[in-house]
């Protein structure tokens, strides 16, 4: 599913202008954090936005928005005003981190990043994205002498799940997490991963009888007309 979204959302959309108080920066990341053979030889630039308008300096909090799927991190600020309100109240530094394979954070460029190979789209995973965020946050702390600054990871939907998992997997890097509307139990072994789809399908069937079958038929036609990569 993430791979399909990455392909759809990186379809040549024009960039959106950023407010002047955001600084755009890039962090060098390993394409594969868990493969010692390629950790240094294969790297890419992860884009992030930084807002230090209200930051109280080293020791004051750092907020990192663990962005999920989307056209780019540049679109996050449009609906993340509540993050800035929180930053103002906490005198916090704000980081909006772009998820790998989205926006400008393409490990192998475009279209090379979207080849259906284990060493390309196979690197679009939750574990790899979490490692990106952890490395970015650690680097920012070191760069700004902010090792003593507590970090709050936050986000909504998939970004919220990533924030929760950051706290769970990297407790030495992230001190707290705020997961808004996050399907944190939506994984095999924790709950039925297809339960939500069944509920949504039933709702569409009630409202427009025959709708789900038409959607299935349309997807079958699209897949049949799509050449193999």
N, C-alpha and C. Protein backbone atom coordinates (compact mmCIF):
# COMPACT_ATOMS: atom_id res chain seq x y z
N UNK A 1 0.82 -1.20 0.00
CA UNK A 1 0.00 0.00 0.00
C UNK A 1 0.86 1.26 0.00
N UNK A 2 1.92 1.29 0.83
CA UNK A 2 2.80 2.46 0.85
C UNK A 2 3.45 2.65 -0.52
N UNK A 3 3.80 1.56 -1.18
CA UNK A 3 4.44 1.67 -2.48
C UNK A 3 3.49 2.29 -3.50
N UNK A 4 2.22 1.89 -3.48
CA UNK A 4 1.23 2.45 -4.40
C UNK A 4 1.06 3.93 -4.15
N UNK A 5 0.98 4.33 -2.87
CA UNK A 5 0.84 5.74 -2.54
C UNK A 5 2.04 6.55 -2.98
N UNK A 6 3.23 5.99 -2.79
CA UNK A 6 4.44 6.70 -3.19
C UNK A 6 4.44 6.96 -4.69
N UNK A 7 4.04 5.97 -5.47
CA UNK A 7 4.00 6.14 -6.91
C UNK A 7 2.98 7.19 -7.32
N UNK A 8 1.81 7.19 -6.67
CA UNK A 8 0.75 8.11 -7.04
C UNK A 8 1.04 9.54 -6.63
N UNK A 9 1.62 9.71 -5.45
CA UNK A 9 1.80 11.05 -4.91
C UNK A 9 3.05 11.75 -5.42
N UNK A 10 3.94 11.02 -6.06
CA UNK A 10 5.14 11.64 -6.62
C UNK A 10 5.00 11.77 -8.14
N UNK A 11 3.83 12.15 -8.58
CA UNK A 11 3.54 12.21 -10.01
C UNK A 11 3.69 13.62 -10.56
N UNK A 12 4.80 14.28 -10.24
CA UNK A 12 5.09 15.57 -10.85
C UNK A 12 4.24 16.71 -10.36
N UNK A 13 3.84 16.71 -9.09
CA UNK A 13 3.05 17.81 -8.56
C UNK A 13 3.92 19.05 -8.41
N UNK A 14 3.38 20.23 -8.70
CA UNK A 14 4.19 21.46 -8.54
C UNK A 14 4.47 21.74 -7.08
N UNK A 15 5.65 22.27 -6.75
CA UNK A 15 5.98 22.55 -5.35
C UNK A 15 5.13 23.70 -4.80
N UNK A 16 4.83 23.62 -3.51
CA UNK A 16 4.08 24.67 -2.85
C UNK A 16 5.04 25.61 -2.15
N UNK A 17 4.75 26.92 -2.17
CA UNK A 17 5.65 27.86 -1.49
C UNK A 17 5.60 27.68 0.01
N UNK A 18 6.75 27.87 0.66
CA UNK A 18 6.83 27.73 2.11
C UNK A 18 6.82 29.11 2.76
N UNK A 19 6.20 29.23 3.94
CA UNK A 19 6.29 30.50 4.68
C UNK A 19 7.75 30.82 4.99
N UNK A 20 8.09 32.09 5.12
CA UNK A 20 9.49 32.48 5.29
C UNK A 20 10.13 32.02 6.60
N UNK A 21 9.31 31.63 7.58
CA UNK A 21 9.90 31.23 8.86
C UNK A 21 10.32 29.76 8.89
N UNK A 22 10.16 29.06 7.79
CA UNK A 22 10.63 27.69 7.70
C UNK A 22 11.97 27.63 6.99
N UNK A 23 12.86 26.84 7.51
CA UNK A 23 14.14 26.57 6.86
C UNK A 23 14.10 25.16 6.28
N UNK A 24 14.37 25.03 5.01
CA UNK A 24 14.42 23.72 4.37
C UNK A 24 15.84 23.19 4.45
N UNK A 25 15.98 21.96 4.90
CA UNK A 25 17.31 21.37 5.05
C UNK A 25 17.25 19.90 4.65
N UNK A 26 18.42 19.29 4.55
CA UNK A 26 18.50 17.88 4.14
C UNK A 26 19.47 17.13 5.05
N UNK A 27 19.12 15.88 5.33
CA UNK A 27 19.94 15.02 6.16
C UNK A 27 20.37 13.79 5.36
N UNK A 28 21.65 13.49 5.36
CA UNK A 28 22.13 12.29 4.68
C UNK A 28 21.69 11.04 5.45
N UNK A 29 21.04 10.13 4.74
CA UNK A 29 20.54 8.90 5.34
C UNK A 29 21.04 7.70 4.55
N UNK A 30 21.19 6.57 5.23
CA UNK A 30 21.51 5.32 4.56
C UNK A 30 20.26 4.79 3.86
N UNK A 31 20.45 4.26 2.66
CA UNK A 31 19.32 3.65 1.98
C UNK A 31 18.79 2.46 2.79
N UNK A 32 19.70 1.73 3.39
CA UNK A 32 19.33 0.57 4.20
C UNK A 32 20.11 0.63 5.51
N UNK A 33 19.42 1.01 6.58
CA UNK A 33 20.08 1.15 7.88
C UNK A 33 20.51 -0.18 8.48
N UNK A 34 19.99 -1.27 7.95
CA UNK A 34 20.21 -2.58 8.57
C UNK A 34 21.06 -3.51 7.72
N UNK A 35 21.78 -2.94 6.76
CA UNK A 35 22.66 -3.71 5.89
C UNK A 35 24.04 -3.08 5.92
N UNK A 36 24.96 -3.71 6.62
CA UNK A 36 26.30 -3.14 6.80
C UNK A 36 27.06 -3.01 5.48
N UNK A 37 26.68 -3.81 4.49
CA UNK A 37 27.40 -3.76 3.22
C UNK A 37 27.07 -2.50 2.42
N UNK A 38 25.87 -1.95 2.62
CA UNK A 38 25.45 -0.79 1.83
C UNK A 38 25.24 0.47 2.67
N UNK A 39 25.45 0.39 3.97
CA UNK A 39 25.14 1.51 4.86
C UNK A 39 25.87 2.79 4.47
N UNK A 40 27.11 2.65 3.99
CA UNK A 40 27.89 3.82 3.63
C UNK A 40 27.91 4.08 2.12
N UNK A 41 27.81 3.03 1.34
CA UNK A 41 27.93 3.20 -0.12
C UNK A 41 26.64 3.72 -0.75
N UNK A 42 25.51 3.46 -0.13
CA UNK A 42 24.22 3.91 -0.68
C UNK A 42 23.56 4.86 0.31
N UNK A 43 23.50 6.13 -0.06
CA UNK A 43 22.88 7.13 0.81
C UNK A 43 21.94 8.01 -0.03
N UNK A 44 21.09 8.76 0.66
CA UNK A 44 20.21 9.72 -0.01
C UNK A 44 19.97 10.90 0.92
N UNK A 45 19.39 11.95 0.38
CA UNK A 45 19.13 13.16 1.15
C UNK A 45 17.65 13.21 1.58
N UNK A 46 17.43 13.15 2.88
CA UNK A 46 16.08 13.27 3.42
C UNK A 46 15.78 14.74 3.69
N UNK A 47 14.69 15.22 3.15
CA UNK A 47 14.33 16.62 3.34
C UNK A 47 13.56 16.80 4.65
N UNK A 48 13.79 17.94 5.30
CA UNK A 48 12.99 18.29 6.47
C UNK A 48 12.87 19.80 6.56
N UNK A 49 11.84 20.24 7.25
CA UNK A 49 11.62 21.66 7.50
C UNK A 49 11.88 21.93 8.97
N UNK A 50 12.46 23.09 9.26
CA UNK A 50 12.76 23.45 10.64
C UNK A 50 12.21 24.84 10.93
N UNK A 51 11.58 24.97 12.08
CA UNK A 51 11.04 26.25 12.52
C UNK A 51 11.55 26.52 13.94
N UNK A 52 12.43 27.52 14.05
CA UNK A 52 13.03 27.85 15.35
C UNK A 52 12.50 29.17 15.90
N UNK A 53 11.32 29.59 15.41
CA UNK A 53 10.76 30.89 15.79
C UNK A 53 10.65 31.06 17.29
N UNK A 54 10.18 30.02 17.97
CA UNK A 54 9.93 30.13 19.42
C UNK A 54 10.88 29.30 20.27
N UNK A 55 11.89 28.72 19.64
CA UNK A 55 12.76 27.82 20.40
C UNK A 55 13.54 28.58 21.46
N UNK A 56 13.58 27.99 22.65
CA UNK A 56 14.29 28.60 23.76
C UNK A 56 15.77 28.26 23.80
N UNK A 57 16.25 27.53 22.78
CA UNK A 57 17.67 27.18 22.73
C UNK A 57 17.95 25.83 23.36
N UNK A 58 19.23 25.43 23.43
CA UNK A 58 19.60 24.13 24.01
C UNK A 58 18.97 23.93 25.39
N UNK A 59 18.37 22.77 25.56
CA UNK A 59 17.65 22.46 26.79
C UNK A 59 16.15 22.59 26.64
N UNK A 60 15.71 23.47 25.73
CA UNK A 60 14.27 23.60 25.44
C UNK A 60 13.84 22.45 24.53
N UNK A 61 12.55 22.12 24.53
CA UNK A 61 12.07 20.92 23.81
C UNK A 61 12.26 21.00 22.30
N UNK A 62 12.27 19.81 21.70
CA UNK A 62 12.27 19.65 20.24
C UNK A 62 11.04 18.83 19.87
N UNK A 63 10.26 19.34 18.94
CA UNK A 63 9.09 18.61 18.43
C UNK A 63 9.43 18.10 17.04
N UNK A 64 9.29 16.81 16.82
CA UNK A 64 9.53 16.25 15.48
C UNK A 64 8.24 15.63 14.97
N UNK A 65 7.76 16.14 13.85
CA UNK A 65 6.57 15.60 13.19
C UNK A 65 7.05 14.48 12.27
N UNK A 66 6.69 13.26 12.61
CA UNK A 66 7.14 12.08 11.86
C UNK A 66 6.20 11.85 10.68
N UNK A 67 6.43 12.59 9.62
CA UNK A 67 5.51 12.58 8.49
C UNK A 67 5.38 11.19 7.87
N UNK A 68 4.18 10.87 7.44
CA UNK A 68 3.92 9.62 6.76
C UNK A 68 3.78 9.85 5.27
N UNK A 69 2.85 9.13 4.65
CA UNK A 69 2.65 9.25 3.21
C UNK A 69 2.11 10.64 2.87
N UNK A 70 2.39 11.11 1.67
CA UNK A 70 1.92 12.42 1.24
C UNK A 70 2.72 12.90 0.05
N UNK A 71 2.22 13.94 -0.60
CA UNK A 71 2.91 14.44 -1.78
C UNK A 71 4.29 14.97 -1.43
N UNK A 72 4.42 15.60 -0.24
CA UNK A 72 5.72 16.09 0.22
C UNK A 72 5.55 16.70 1.60
N UNK A 73 6.67 16.88 2.30
CA UNK A 73 6.63 17.50 3.62
C UNK A 73 6.21 18.96 3.52
N UNK A 74 6.37 19.57 2.35
CA UNK A 74 6.00 20.97 2.17
C UNK A 74 4.50 21.20 2.35
N UNK A 75 3.70 20.14 2.22
CA UNK A 75 2.27 20.29 2.38
C UNK A 75 1.79 20.12 3.81
N UNK A 76 2.68 19.70 4.69
CA UNK A 76 2.26 19.40 6.06
C UNK A 76 1.86 20.65 6.82
N UNK A 77 2.66 21.73 6.66
CA UNK A 77 2.42 22.91 7.47
C UNK A 77 1.03 23.49 7.23
N UNK A 78 0.42 23.18 6.08
CA UNK A 78 -0.89 23.74 5.75
C UNK A 78 -1.97 23.28 6.72
N UNK A 79 -1.78 22.08 7.31
CA UNK A 79 -2.79 21.60 8.25
C UNK A 79 -2.18 21.25 9.60
N UNK A 80 -1.02 21.81 9.89
CA UNK A 80 -0.34 21.49 11.15
C UNK A 80 -0.17 22.72 12.03
N UNK A 81 -1.15 23.63 11.97
CA UNK A 81 -1.07 24.82 12.81
C UNK A 81 -1.03 24.50 14.29
N UNK A 82 -1.68 23.41 14.67
CA UNK A 82 -1.70 23.02 16.08
C UNK A 82 -0.30 22.65 16.58
N UNK A 83 0.55 22.20 15.66
CA UNK A 83 1.93 21.89 16.04
C UNK A 83 2.66 23.17 16.43
N UNK A 84 2.43 24.23 15.67
CA UNK A 84 3.08 25.50 15.97
C UNK A 84 2.53 26.13 17.24
N UNK A 85 1.24 25.95 17.49
CA UNK A 85 0.67 26.44 18.76
C UNK A 85 1.36 25.75 19.93
N UNK A 86 1.55 24.45 19.80
CA UNK A 86 2.22 23.69 20.84
C UNK A 86 3.68 24.14 20.98
N UNK A 87 4.32 24.40 19.86
CA UNK A 87 5.71 24.85 19.89
C UNK A 87 5.84 26.19 20.61
N UNK A 88 4.90 27.08 20.38
CA UNK A 88 4.93 28.38 21.03
C UNK A 88 4.75 28.24 22.54
N UNK A 89 3.85 27.36 22.95
CA UNK A 89 3.59 27.15 24.38
C UNK A 89 4.79 26.53 25.08
N UNK A 90 5.52 25.67 24.35
CA UNK A 90 6.63 24.93 24.95
C UNK A 90 7.99 25.56 24.66
N UNK A 91 8.01 26.64 23.88
CA UNK A 91 9.28 27.24 23.42
C UNK A 91 10.14 26.19 22.72
N UNK A 92 9.50 25.46 21.80
CA UNK A 92 10.14 24.29 21.19
C UNK A 92 10.62 24.56 19.77
N UNK A 93 11.64 23.82 19.39
CA UNK A 93 12.10 23.76 18.01
C UNK A 93 11.23 22.75 17.28
N UNK A 94 10.79 23.08 16.07
CA UNK A 94 9.90 22.19 15.32
C UNK A 94 10.62 21.63 14.10
N UNK A 95 10.53 20.32 13.94
CA UNK A 95 11.09 19.63 12.78
C UNK A 95 9.97 18.87 12.09
N UNK A 96 9.76 19.15 10.81
CA UNK A 96 8.84 18.36 9.99
C UNK A 96 9.70 17.47 9.09
N UNK A 97 9.73 16.18 9.38
CA UNK A 97 10.61 15.26 8.65
C UNK A 97 9.84 14.54 7.55
N UNK A 98 10.37 14.56 6.35
CA UNK A 98 9.73 13.90 5.22
C UNK A 98 10.03 12.41 5.25
N UNK A 99 9.02 11.61 4.95
CA UNK A 99 9.21 10.15 4.93
C UNK A 99 9.91 9.75 3.64
N UNK A 100 10.81 8.78 3.75
CA UNK A 100 11.53 8.27 2.57
C UNK A 100 10.55 7.81 1.49
N UNK A 101 10.93 8.00 0.24
CA UNK A 101 10.16 7.65 -0.95
C UNK A 101 9.01 8.60 -1.24
N UNK A 102 8.94 9.72 -0.50
CA UNK A 102 7.91 10.71 -0.78
C UNK A 102 8.56 12.09 -0.94
N UNK A 103 7.90 12.97 -1.71
CA UNK A 103 8.42 14.31 -1.90
C UNK A 103 9.77 14.30 -2.56
N UNK A 104 10.74 14.99 -1.93
CA UNK A 104 12.10 15.05 -2.45
C UNK A 104 13.03 14.04 -1.80
N UNK A 105 12.51 13.20 -0.92
CA UNK A 105 13.34 12.24 -0.19
C UNK A 105 13.32 10.88 -0.89
N UNK A 106 13.86 10.87 -2.10
CA UNK A 106 13.83 9.67 -2.94
C UNK A 106 15.21 9.02 -2.95
N UNK A 107 15.35 7.85 -2.36
CA UNK A 107 16.67 7.20 -2.26
C UNK A 107 17.36 6.96 -3.59
N UNK A 108 16.59 6.70 -4.65
CA UNK A 108 17.18 6.39 -5.94
C UNK A 108 16.66 7.30 -7.04
N UNK A 109 16.20 8.49 -6.66
CA UNK A 109 15.67 9.41 -7.64
C UNK A 109 14.35 8.93 -8.19
N UNK A 110 13.89 9.61 -9.23
CA UNK A 110 12.64 9.21 -9.89
C UNK A 110 12.94 9.00 -11.37
N UNK A 111 12.52 7.86 -11.95
CA UNK A 111 11.65 6.83 -11.38
C UNK A 111 12.38 5.67 -10.72
N UNK A 112 13.71 5.76 -10.57
CA UNK A 112 14.46 4.63 -10.06
C UNK A 112 14.02 4.13 -8.70
N UNK A 113 13.47 5.03 -7.86
CA UNK A 113 13.05 4.63 -6.52
C UNK A 113 11.86 3.68 -6.55
N UNK A 114 11.13 3.66 -7.65
CA UNK A 114 9.86 2.92 -7.67
C UNK A 114 9.92 1.62 -8.45
N UNK A 115 11.13 1.14 -8.72
CA UNK A 115 11.25 -0.16 -9.35
C UNK A 115 10.83 -1.24 -8.36
N UNK A 116 10.05 -2.19 -8.84
CA UNK A 116 9.53 -3.24 -7.96
C UNK A 116 10.59 -4.29 -7.70
N UNK A 117 11.59 -3.87 -6.89
CA UNK A 117 12.71 -4.74 -6.54
C UNK A 117 12.95 -4.65 -5.04
N UNK A 118 13.44 -5.73 -4.43
CA UNK A 118 13.70 -5.70 -2.98
C UNK A 118 14.66 -4.60 -2.56
N UNK A 119 15.62 -4.26 -3.46
CA UNK A 119 16.60 -3.24 -3.11
C UNK A 119 16.15 -1.84 -3.49
N UNK A 120 14.91 -1.70 -3.91
CA UNK A 120 14.36 -0.37 -4.22
C UNK A 120 13.11 -0.16 -3.36
N UNK A 121 11.94 -0.47 -3.88
CA UNK A 121 10.72 -0.29 -3.07
C UNK A 121 10.72 -1.17 -1.83
N UNK A 122 11.54 -2.20 -1.83
CA UNK A 122 11.65 -3.04 -0.64
C UNK A 122 12.20 -2.29 0.55
N UNK A 123 12.84 -1.14 0.31
CA UNK A 123 13.39 -0.33 1.40
C UNK A 123 12.40 0.70 1.91
N UNK A 124 11.19 0.69 1.36
CA UNK A 124 10.12 1.55 1.88
C UNK A 124 9.40 0.77 2.98
N UNK A 125 9.86 0.94 4.20
CA UNK A 125 9.30 0.19 5.32
C UNK A 125 9.22 1.07 6.56
N UNK A 126 8.40 0.65 7.50
CA UNK A 126 8.26 1.39 8.76
C UNK A 126 9.59 1.40 9.52
N UNK A 127 10.28 0.27 9.57
CA UNK A 127 11.54 0.19 10.31
C UNK A 127 12.58 1.15 9.74
N UNK A 128 12.67 1.21 8.41
CA UNK A 128 13.64 2.10 7.78
C UNK A 128 13.27 3.57 8.04
N UNK A 129 11.99 3.88 7.96
CA UNK A 129 11.55 5.26 8.20
C UNK A 129 11.84 5.69 9.64
N UNK A 130 11.60 4.80 10.59
CA UNK A 130 11.88 5.12 12.00
C UNK A 130 13.37 5.36 12.21
N UNK A 131 14.20 4.55 11.56
CA UNK A 131 15.64 4.74 11.68
C UNK A 131 16.07 6.08 11.09
N UNK A 132 15.42 6.49 9.99
CA UNK A 132 15.69 7.82 9.42
C UNK A 132 15.41 8.91 10.45
N UNK A 133 14.23 8.85 11.06
CA UNK A 133 13.83 9.88 12.02
C UNK A 133 14.77 9.92 13.23
N UNK A 134 15.15 8.74 13.71
CA UNK A 134 16.04 8.67 14.87
C UNK A 134 17.40 9.29 14.54
N UNK A 135 17.92 8.99 13.36
CA UNK A 135 19.21 9.54 12.96
C UNK A 135 19.12 11.06 12.78
N UNK A 136 18.03 11.52 12.17
CA UNK A 136 17.83 12.96 11.98
C UNK A 136 17.78 13.69 13.31
N UNK A 137 16.99 13.18 14.25
CA UNK A 137 16.85 13.83 15.55
C UNK A 137 18.17 13.84 16.32
N UNK A 138 18.88 12.74 16.26
CA UNK A 138 20.19 12.67 16.93
C UNK A 138 21.17 13.68 16.34
N UNK A 139 21.16 13.81 15.03
CA UNK A 139 22.05 14.76 14.36
C UNK A 139 21.70 16.20 14.72
N UNK A 140 20.43 16.52 14.75
CA UNK A 140 20.00 17.88 15.10
C UNK A 140 20.40 18.21 16.53
N UNK A 141 20.22 17.29 17.43
CA UNK A 141 20.64 17.53 18.82
C UNK A 141 22.13 17.84 18.90
N UNK A 142 22.91 17.05 18.18
CA UNK A 142 24.36 17.24 18.21
C UNK A 142 24.75 18.56 17.54
N UNK A 143 24.12 18.90 16.43
CA UNK A 143 24.45 20.11 15.69
C UNK A 143 24.17 21.37 16.50
N UNK A 144 23.09 21.37 17.27
CA UNK A 144 22.68 22.56 18.01
C UNK A 144 22.98 22.45 19.51
N UNK A 145 23.88 21.52 19.87
CA UNK A 145 24.26 21.33 21.28
C UNK A 145 23.03 21.16 22.16
N UNK A 146 22.07 20.41 21.65
CA UNK A 146 20.79 20.25 22.33
C UNK A 146 20.60 18.82 22.84
N UNK A 147 21.70 18.19 23.25
CA UNK A 147 21.60 16.81 23.75
C UNK A 147 20.67 16.70 24.95
N UNK A 148 20.53 17.79 25.73
CA UNK A 148 19.68 17.76 26.91
C UNK A 148 18.25 18.16 26.61
N UNK A 149 17.94 18.48 25.35
CA UNK A 149 16.58 18.89 24.98
C UNK A 149 15.67 17.67 24.87
N UNK A 150 14.57 17.64 25.61
CA UNK A 150 13.62 16.53 25.46
C UNK A 150 12.95 16.60 24.10
N UNK A 151 12.62 15.44 23.55
CA UNK A 151 12.02 15.38 22.22
C UNK A 151 10.62 14.78 22.29
N UNK A 152 9.70 15.42 21.58
CA UNK A 152 8.33 14.95 21.47
C UNK A 152 8.07 14.60 20.01
N UNK A 153 7.74 13.35 19.74
CA UNK A 153 7.35 12.93 18.39
C UNK A 153 5.83 13.00 18.29
N UNK A 154 5.35 13.52 17.18
CA UNK A 154 3.90 13.58 17.03
C UNK A 154 3.51 13.48 15.57
N UNK A 155 2.23 13.21 15.36
CA UNK A 155 1.70 13.09 14.01
C UNK A 155 0.28 12.58 14.07
N UNK A 156 -0.36 12.54 12.90
CA UNK A 156 -1.74 12.04 12.80
C UNK A 156 -1.84 10.95 11.76
N UNK A 157 -2.73 10.02 11.98
CA UNK A 157 -2.93 8.88 11.08
C UNK A 157 -1.63 8.06 11.04
N UNK A 158 -1.11 7.75 9.84
CA UNK A 158 0.14 6.98 9.78
C UNK A 158 1.27 7.72 10.50
N UNK A 159 1.32 9.05 10.34
CA UNK A 159 2.35 9.83 11.04
C UNK A 159 2.23 9.67 12.55
N UNK A 160 1.00 9.53 13.04
CA UNK A 160 0.79 9.29 14.47
C UNK A 160 1.29 7.93 14.90
N UNK A 161 1.05 6.93 14.06
CA UNK A 161 1.57 5.60 14.35
C UNK A 161 3.09 5.61 14.39
N UNK A 162 3.70 6.34 13.45
CA UNK A 162 5.16 6.44 13.43
C UNK A 162 5.67 7.13 14.70
N UNK A 163 4.95 8.15 15.16
CA UNK A 163 5.35 8.83 16.39
C UNK A 163 5.30 7.87 17.57
N UNK A 164 4.22 7.11 17.67
CA UNK A 164 4.07 6.11 18.74
C UNK A 164 5.20 5.08 18.69
N UNK A 165 5.48 4.59 17.48
CA UNK A 165 6.53 3.58 17.33
C UNK A 165 7.92 4.16 17.60
N UNK A 166 8.11 5.45 17.32
CA UNK A 166 9.38 6.08 17.66
C UNK A 166 9.64 6.01 19.16
N UNK A 167 8.62 6.32 19.93
CA UNK A 167 8.75 6.27 21.39
C UNK A 167 8.97 4.84 21.86
N UNK A 168 8.28 3.89 21.22
CA UNK A 168 8.38 2.49 21.63
C UNK A 168 9.73 1.88 21.25
N UNK A 169 10.24 2.22 20.06
CA UNK A 169 11.46 1.58 19.57
C UNK A 169 12.72 2.36 19.92
N UNK A 170 12.60 3.68 20.04
CA UNK A 170 13.77 4.52 20.34
C UNK A 170 13.52 5.37 21.59
N UNK A 171 13.29 4.74 22.74
CA UNK A 171 12.99 5.50 23.96
C UNK A 171 14.15 6.37 24.44
N UNK A 172 15.36 6.06 24.00
CA UNK A 172 16.50 6.89 24.38
C UNK A 172 16.62 8.13 23.51
N UNK A 173 15.87 8.16 22.41
CA UNK A 173 15.91 9.30 21.49
C UNK A 173 14.68 10.18 21.64
N UNK A 174 13.53 9.56 21.86
CA UNK A 174 12.26 10.28 21.96
C UNK A 174 11.71 10.12 23.37
N UNK A 175 11.39 11.25 24.01
CA UNK A 175 10.93 11.23 25.40
C UNK A 175 9.43 11.06 25.54
N UNK A 176 8.67 11.44 24.52
CA UNK A 176 7.21 11.32 24.58
C UNK A 176 6.68 11.30 23.15
N UNK A 177 5.45 10.83 23.00
CA UNK A 177 4.82 10.79 21.67
C UNK A 177 3.36 11.17 21.80
N UNK A 178 2.88 11.88 20.80
CA UNK A 178 1.46 12.24 20.70
C UNK A 178 0.95 11.68 19.38
N UNK A 179 0.14 10.64 19.46
CA UNK A 179 -0.36 9.95 18.27
C UNK A 179 -1.83 10.28 18.08
N UNK A 180 -2.14 11.11 17.10
CA UNK A 180 -3.51 11.55 16.85
C UNK A 180 -4.15 10.69 15.76
N UNK A 181 -5.33 10.14 16.06
CA UNK A 181 -6.06 9.31 15.09
C UNK A 181 -5.15 8.25 14.48
N UNK A 182 -4.34 7.64 15.30
CA UNK A 182 -3.32 6.70 14.81
C UNK A 182 -3.79 5.25 14.96
N UNK A 183 -3.78 4.48 13.87
CA UNK A 183 -4.15 3.06 13.94
C UNK A 183 -3.01 2.21 14.48
N UNK A 184 -2.66 2.44 15.74
CA UNK A 184 -1.47 1.80 16.30
C UNK A 184 -1.64 0.28 16.46
N UNK A 185 -2.87 -0.21 16.43
CA UNK A 185 -3.08 -1.66 16.55
C UNK A 185 -3.32 -2.31 15.20
N UNK A 186 -3.16 -1.55 14.13
CA UNK A 186 -3.49 -2.08 12.81
C UNK A 186 -2.41 -2.95 12.20
N UNK A 187 -1.91 -3.90 12.95
CA UNK A 187 -0.85 -4.77 12.47
C UNK A 187 -1.22 -6.23 12.75
N UNK A 188 -0.79 -7.14 11.89
CA UNK A 188 -1.08 -8.56 12.12
C UNK A 188 -0.57 -9.00 13.50
N UNK A 189 -1.41 -9.73 14.18
CA UNK A 189 -1.05 -10.20 15.52
C UNK A 189 -1.63 -9.32 16.61
N UNK A 190 -1.95 -8.07 16.29
CA UNK A 190 -2.56 -7.16 17.27
C UNK A 190 -4.06 -7.03 17.05
N UNK A 191 -4.48 -7.03 15.81
CA UNK A 191 -5.91 -6.97 15.48
C UNK A 191 -6.08 -7.47 14.06
N UNK A 192 -7.31 -7.53 13.61
CA UNK A 192 -7.59 -7.94 12.24
C UNK A 192 -7.21 -6.78 11.30
N UNK A 193 -6.15 -6.91 10.51
CA UNK A 193 -5.72 -5.79 9.66
C UNK A 193 -6.70 -5.44 8.56
N UNK A 194 -7.67 -6.33 8.29
CA UNK A 194 -8.64 -6.07 7.23
C UNK A 194 -10.00 -5.66 7.79
N UNK A 195 -10.12 -5.55 9.10
CA UNK A 195 -11.40 -5.20 9.70
C UNK A 195 -11.93 -3.85 9.24
N UNK A 196 -11.04 -2.84 9.18
CA UNK A 196 -11.47 -1.51 8.76
C UNK A 196 -12.00 -1.53 7.34
N UNK A 197 -11.35 -2.28 6.46
CA UNK A 197 -11.78 -2.34 5.06
C UNK A 197 -13.16 -2.98 4.94
N UNK A 198 -13.42 -4.00 5.76
CA UNK A 198 -14.73 -4.64 5.71
C UNK A 198 -15.82 -3.68 6.16
N UNK A 199 -15.55 -2.91 7.20
CA UNK A 199 -16.53 -1.93 7.67
C UNK A 199 -16.78 -0.87 6.61
N UNK A 200 -15.71 -0.34 5.99
CA UNK A 200 -15.85 0.67 4.95
C UNK A 200 -16.61 0.12 3.75
N UNK A 201 -16.28 -1.12 3.35
CA UNK A 201 -16.96 -1.74 2.22
C UNK A 201 -18.45 -1.89 2.49
N UNK A 202 -18.79 -2.34 3.69
CA UNK A 202 -20.20 -2.50 4.06
C UNK A 202 -20.93 -1.16 4.05
N UNK A 203 -20.25 -0.10 4.50
CA UNK A 203 -20.88 1.23 4.52
C UNK A 203 -21.18 1.71 3.10
N UNK A 204 -20.24 1.52 2.17
CA UNK A 204 -20.49 1.92 0.79
C UNK A 204 -21.60 1.10 0.16
N UNK A 205 -21.66 -0.19 0.49
CA UNK A 205 -22.70 -1.05 -0.06
C UNK A 205 -24.07 -0.60 0.42
N UNK A 206 -24.17 -0.19 1.69
CA UNK A 206 -25.45 0.29 2.21
C UNK A 206 -25.89 1.58 1.52
N UNK A 207 -24.95 2.47 1.29
CA UNK A 207 -25.29 3.76 0.69
C UNK A 207 -25.55 3.65 -0.81
N UNK A 208 -24.73 2.87 -1.50
CA UNK A 208 -24.87 2.71 -2.95
C UNK A 208 -24.73 1.22 -3.27
N UNK A 209 -25.83 0.50 -3.27
CA UNK A 209 -25.75 -0.93 -3.54
C UNK A 209 -25.02 -1.21 -4.85
N UNK A 210 -24.09 -2.16 -4.80
CA UNK A 210 -23.32 -2.52 -5.98
C UNK A 210 -22.03 -1.73 -6.14
N UNK A 211 -21.81 -0.69 -5.32
CA UNK A 211 -20.61 0.15 -5.44
C UNK A 211 -19.32 -0.64 -5.24
N UNK A 212 -19.21 -1.45 -4.17
CA UNK A 212 -17.94 -2.17 -3.97
C UNK A 212 -17.57 -3.07 -5.15
N UNK A 213 -18.57 -3.73 -5.74
CA UNK A 213 -18.27 -4.62 -6.86
C UNK A 213 -17.79 -3.82 -8.07
N UNK A 214 -18.35 -2.64 -8.28
CA UNK A 214 -17.90 -1.80 -9.39
C UNK A 214 -16.46 -1.33 -9.17
N UNK A 215 -16.13 -1.01 -7.91
CA UNK A 215 -14.76 -0.59 -7.61
C UNK A 215 -13.79 -1.74 -7.84
N UNK A 216 -14.16 -2.94 -7.40
CA UNK A 216 -13.30 -4.10 -7.63
C UNK A 216 -13.08 -4.33 -9.12
N UNK A 217 -14.15 -4.21 -9.89
CA UNK A 217 -14.06 -4.41 -11.33
C UNK A 217 -13.15 -3.36 -11.97
N UNK A 218 -13.26 -2.11 -11.50
CA UNK A 218 -12.43 -1.04 -12.05
C UNK A 218 -10.96 -1.28 -11.76
N UNK A 219 -10.65 -1.71 -10.53
CA UNK A 219 -9.25 -1.99 -10.19
C UNK A 219 -8.71 -3.16 -11.00
N UNK A 220 -9.54 -4.16 -11.23
CA UNK A 220 -9.11 -5.30 -12.05
C UNK A 220 -8.77 -4.84 -13.46
N UNK A 221 -9.59 -3.94 -13.99
CA UNK A 221 -9.34 -3.42 -15.34
C UNK A 221 -8.05 -2.59 -15.38
N UNK A 222 -7.84 -1.76 -14.35
CA UNK A 222 -6.62 -0.95 -14.29
C UNK A 222 -5.38 -1.83 -14.21
N UNK A 223 -5.44 -2.84 -13.34
CA UNK A 223 -4.28 -3.73 -13.20
C UNK A 223 -4.01 -4.50 -14.48
N UNK A 224 -5.08 -4.88 -15.16
CA UNK A 224 -4.92 -5.62 -16.41
C UNK A 224 -4.33 -4.77 -17.51
N UNK A 225 -4.57 -3.45 -17.44
CA UNK A 225 -4.07 -2.55 -18.48
C UNK A 225 -2.69 -1.98 -18.14
N UNK A 226 -2.18 -2.27 -16.93
CA UNK A 226 -0.89 -1.74 -16.51
C UNK A 226 0.23 -2.69 -16.91
N UNK A 227 1.21 -2.22 -17.67
CA UNK A 227 2.31 -3.12 -18.07
C UNK A 227 3.16 -3.51 -16.88
N UNK A 228 3.68 -4.70 -16.89
CA UNK A 228 4.52 -5.18 -15.81
C UNK A 228 5.83 -4.40 -15.80
N UNK A 229 6.32 -4.10 -14.60
CA UNK A 229 7.59 -3.35 -14.45
C UNK A 229 8.76 -4.33 -14.41
